[in-house]
Amino acid sequence: MSEKLLGIREKLASHIGDRVRYRQAKGRRKTEEHEGVIMETYPNIFTLYVKAQNSTVSFRYSDLLTHDVELEFLSSNDRMSHKAR
């Protein structure tokens, strides 16, 4: 695992239980935005619980590097993408 991905994983692991807002690219010009709670971090993925959908969603750490997903930590207004670590 690259250092960037490892850094992302460690940062997410330190925020388990925190509320986040995420934006997910859904096509050429479509994005989806929801709020959730970081539930778990695994070697290749992390999971969020989305109360509005009453479901758990999972993303790869590489989704943050490729900007397919952008996270905003609601408790500190910190953003997480491939630029901010």
C-alpha atoms as a PDB file:
ATOM      1  CA  MET A   1       0.000   0.000   0.000  1.00  0.00           C
ATOM      2  CA  SER A   2       1.378   3.392  -0.932  1.00  0.00           C
ATOM      3  CA  GLU A   3       2.205   5.998   1.682  1.00  0.00           C
ATOM      4  CA  LYS A   4      -0.662   8.235   0.518  1.00  0.00           C
ATOM      5  CA  LEU A   5      -3.215   5.460   0.898  1.00  0.00           C
ATOM      6  CA  LEU A   6      -1.764   4.475   4.254  1.00  0.00           C
ATOM      7  CA  GLY A   7      -2.008   8.094   5.439  1.00  0.00           C
ATOM      8  CA  ILE A   8      -5.636   8.292   4.343  1.00  0.00           C
ATOM      9  CA  ARG A   9      -6.420   5.029   6.128  1.00  0.00           C
ATOM     10  CA  GLU A  10      -4.756   6.203   9.350  1.00  0.00           C
ATOM     11  CA  LYS A  11      -6.592   9.540   9.287  1.00  0.00           C
ATOM     12  CA  LEU A  12      -9.939   7.832   8.765  1.00  0.00           C
ATOM     13  CA  ALA A  13      -9.170   5.331  11.533  1.00  0.00           C
ATOM     14  CA  SER A  14      -8.592   8.232  13.923  1.00  0.00           C
ATOM     15  CA  HIS A  15     -12.048   9.610  13.048  1.00  0.00           C
ATOM     16  CA  ILE A  16     -14.150   6.452  13.559  1.00  0.00           C
ATOM     17  CA  GLY A  17     -17.512   7.509  14.964  1.00  0.00           C
ATOM     18  CA  ASP A  18     -17.286  11.051  13.582  1.00  0.00           C
ATOM     19  CA  ARG A  19     -19.904  12.586  11.311  1.00  0.00           C
ATOM     20  CA  VAL A  20     -18.884  13.370   7.749  1.00  0.00           C
ATOM     21  CA  ARG A  21     -20.458  14.773   4.624  1.00  0.00           C
ATOM     22  CA  TYR A  22     -19.449  12.967   1.476  1.00  0.00           C
ATOM     23  CA  ARG A  23     -19.759  13.801  -2.190  1.00  0.00           C
ATOM     24  CA  GLN A  24     -19.612  10.975  -4.673  1.00  0.00           C
ATOM     25  CA  ALA A  25     -19.193  11.341  -8.419  1.00  0.00           C
ATOM     26  CA  LYS A  26     -22.053   9.543 -10.158  1.00  0.00           C
ATOM     27  CA  GLY A  27     -21.311  10.220 -13.786  1.00  0.00           C
ATOM     28  CA  ARG A  28     -20.198  12.962 -16.074  1.00  0.00           C
ATOM     29  CA  ARG A  29     -21.971  15.830 -14.346  1.00  0.00           C
ATOM     30  CA  LYS A  30     -23.788  14.185 -11.483  1.00  0.00           C
ATOM     31  CA  THR A  31     -22.776  14.115  -7.853  1.00  0.00           C
ATOM     32  CA  GLU A  32     -24.497  12.700  -4.815  1.00  0.00           C
ATOM     33  CA  GLU A  33     -24.090  14.272  -1.377  1.00  0.00           C
ATOM     34  CA  HIS A  34     -25.017  12.691   1.962  1.00  0.00           C
ATOM     35  CA  GLU A  35     -24.065  12.791   5.619  1.00  0.00           C
ATOM     36  CA  GLY A  36     -22.892   9.728   7.464  1.00  0.00           C
ATOM     37  CA  VAL A  37     -20.795   8.350  10.297  1.00  0.00           C
ATOM     38  CA  ILE A  38     -17.461   6.584   9.787  1.00  0.00           C
ATOM     39  CA  MET A  39     -18.081   3.053  11.024  1.00  0.00           C
ATOM     40  CA  GLU A  40     -15.023   0.916  10.216  1.00  0.00           C
ATOM     41  CA  THR A  41     -11.734   0.950   8.356  1.00  0.00           C
ATOM     42  CA  TYR A  42     -10.469  -2.184   6.679  1.00  0.00           C
ATOM     43  CA  PRO A  43      -7.260  -2.861   4.726  1.00  0.00           C
ATOM     44  CA  ASN A  44      -8.769  -1.728   1.389  1.00  0.00           C
ATOM     45  CA  ILE A  45     -12.094  -0.040   2.202  1.00  0.00           C
ATOM     46  CA  PHE A  46     -13.887   2.069   4.788  1.00  0.00           C
ATOM     47  CA  THR A  47     -17.571   2.114   5.654  1.00  0.00           C
ATOM     48  CA  LEU A  48     -20.028   4.887   6.459  1.00  0.00           C
ATOM     49  CA  TYR A  49     -23.485   4.569   7.992  1.00  0.00           C
ATOM     50  CA  VAL A  50     -25.969   6.860   6.214  1.00  0.00           C
ATOM     51  CA  LYS A  51     -29.003   7.446   8.418  1.00  0.00           C
ATOM     52  CA  ALA A  52     -31.107   9.036   5.651  1.00  0.00           C
ATOM     53  CA  GLN A  53     -30.801   5.833   3.620  1.00  0.00           C
ATOM     54  CA  ASN A  54     -30.718   3.579   6.698  1.00  0.00           C
ATOM     55  CA  SER A  55     -27.806   1.728   5.134  1.00  0.00           C
ATOM     56  CA  THR A  56     -24.066   1.281   5.148  1.00  0.00           C
ATOM     57  CA  VAL A  57     -21.961   2.320   2.167  1.00  0.00           C
ATOM     58  CA  SER A  58     -18.346   1.443   1.508  1.00  0.00           C
ATOM     59  CA  PHE A  59     -15.605   3.179  -0.444  1.00  0.00           C
ATOM     60  CA  ARG A  60     -12.021   2.403  -1.369  1.00  0.00           C
ATOM     61  CA  TYR A  61      -9.262   4.670  -0.100  1.00  0.00           C
ATOM     62  CA  SER A  62      -8.267   5.164  -3.727  1.00  0.00           C
ATOM     63  CA  ASP A  63     -11.685   6.790  -4.331  1.00  0.00           C
ATOM     64  CA  LEU A  64     -10.393   9.729  -2.299  1.00  0.00           C
ATOM     65  CA  LEU A  65      -7.202   9.896  -4.365  1.00  0.00           C
ATOM     66  CA  THR A  66      -9.086   9.917  -7.662  1.00  0.00           C
ATOM     67  CA  HIS A  67     -11.670  12.442  -6.429  1.00  0.00           C
ATOM     68  CA  ASP A  68     -14.521   9.995  -6.948  1.00  0.00           C
ATOM     69  CA  VAL A  69     -15.344  10.694  -3.297  1.00  0.00           C
ATOM     70  CA  GLU A  70     -14.656  13.771  -1.164  1.00  0.00           C
ATOM     71  CA  LEU A  71     -15.121  13.753   2.612  1.00  0.00           C
ATOM     72  CA  GLU A  72     -15.748  16.717   4.888  1.00  0.00           C
ATOM     73  CA  PHE A  73     -15.426  16.114   8.627  1.00  0.00           C
ATOM     74  CA  LEU A  74     -18.366  17.981  10.168  1.00  0.00           C
ATOM     75  CA  SER A  75     -16.850  18.319  13.633  1.00  0.00           C
ATOM     76  CA  SER A  76     -13.783  20.224  12.416  1.00  0.00           C
ATOM     77  CA  ASN A  77     -14.745  21.416   8.893  1.00  0.00           C
ATOM     78  CA  ASP A  78     -11.639  19.587   7.640  1.00  0.00           C
ATOM     79  CA  ARG A  79     -11.811  18.234   4.097  1.00  0.00           C
ATOM     80  CA  MET A  80     -10.203  15.067   2.897  1.00  0.00           C
ATOM     81  CA  SER A  81      -9.258  14.537  -0.722  1.00  0.00           C
ATOM     82  CA  HIS A  82      -6.025  13.746  -2.485  1.00  0.00           C
ATOM     83  CA  LYS A  83      -4.836  17.329  -1.858  1.00  0.00           C
ATOM     84  CA  ALA A  84      -5.552  17.531   1.872  1.00  0.00           C
ATOM     85  CA  ARG A  85      -4.210  14.905   4.255  1.00  0.00           C
END
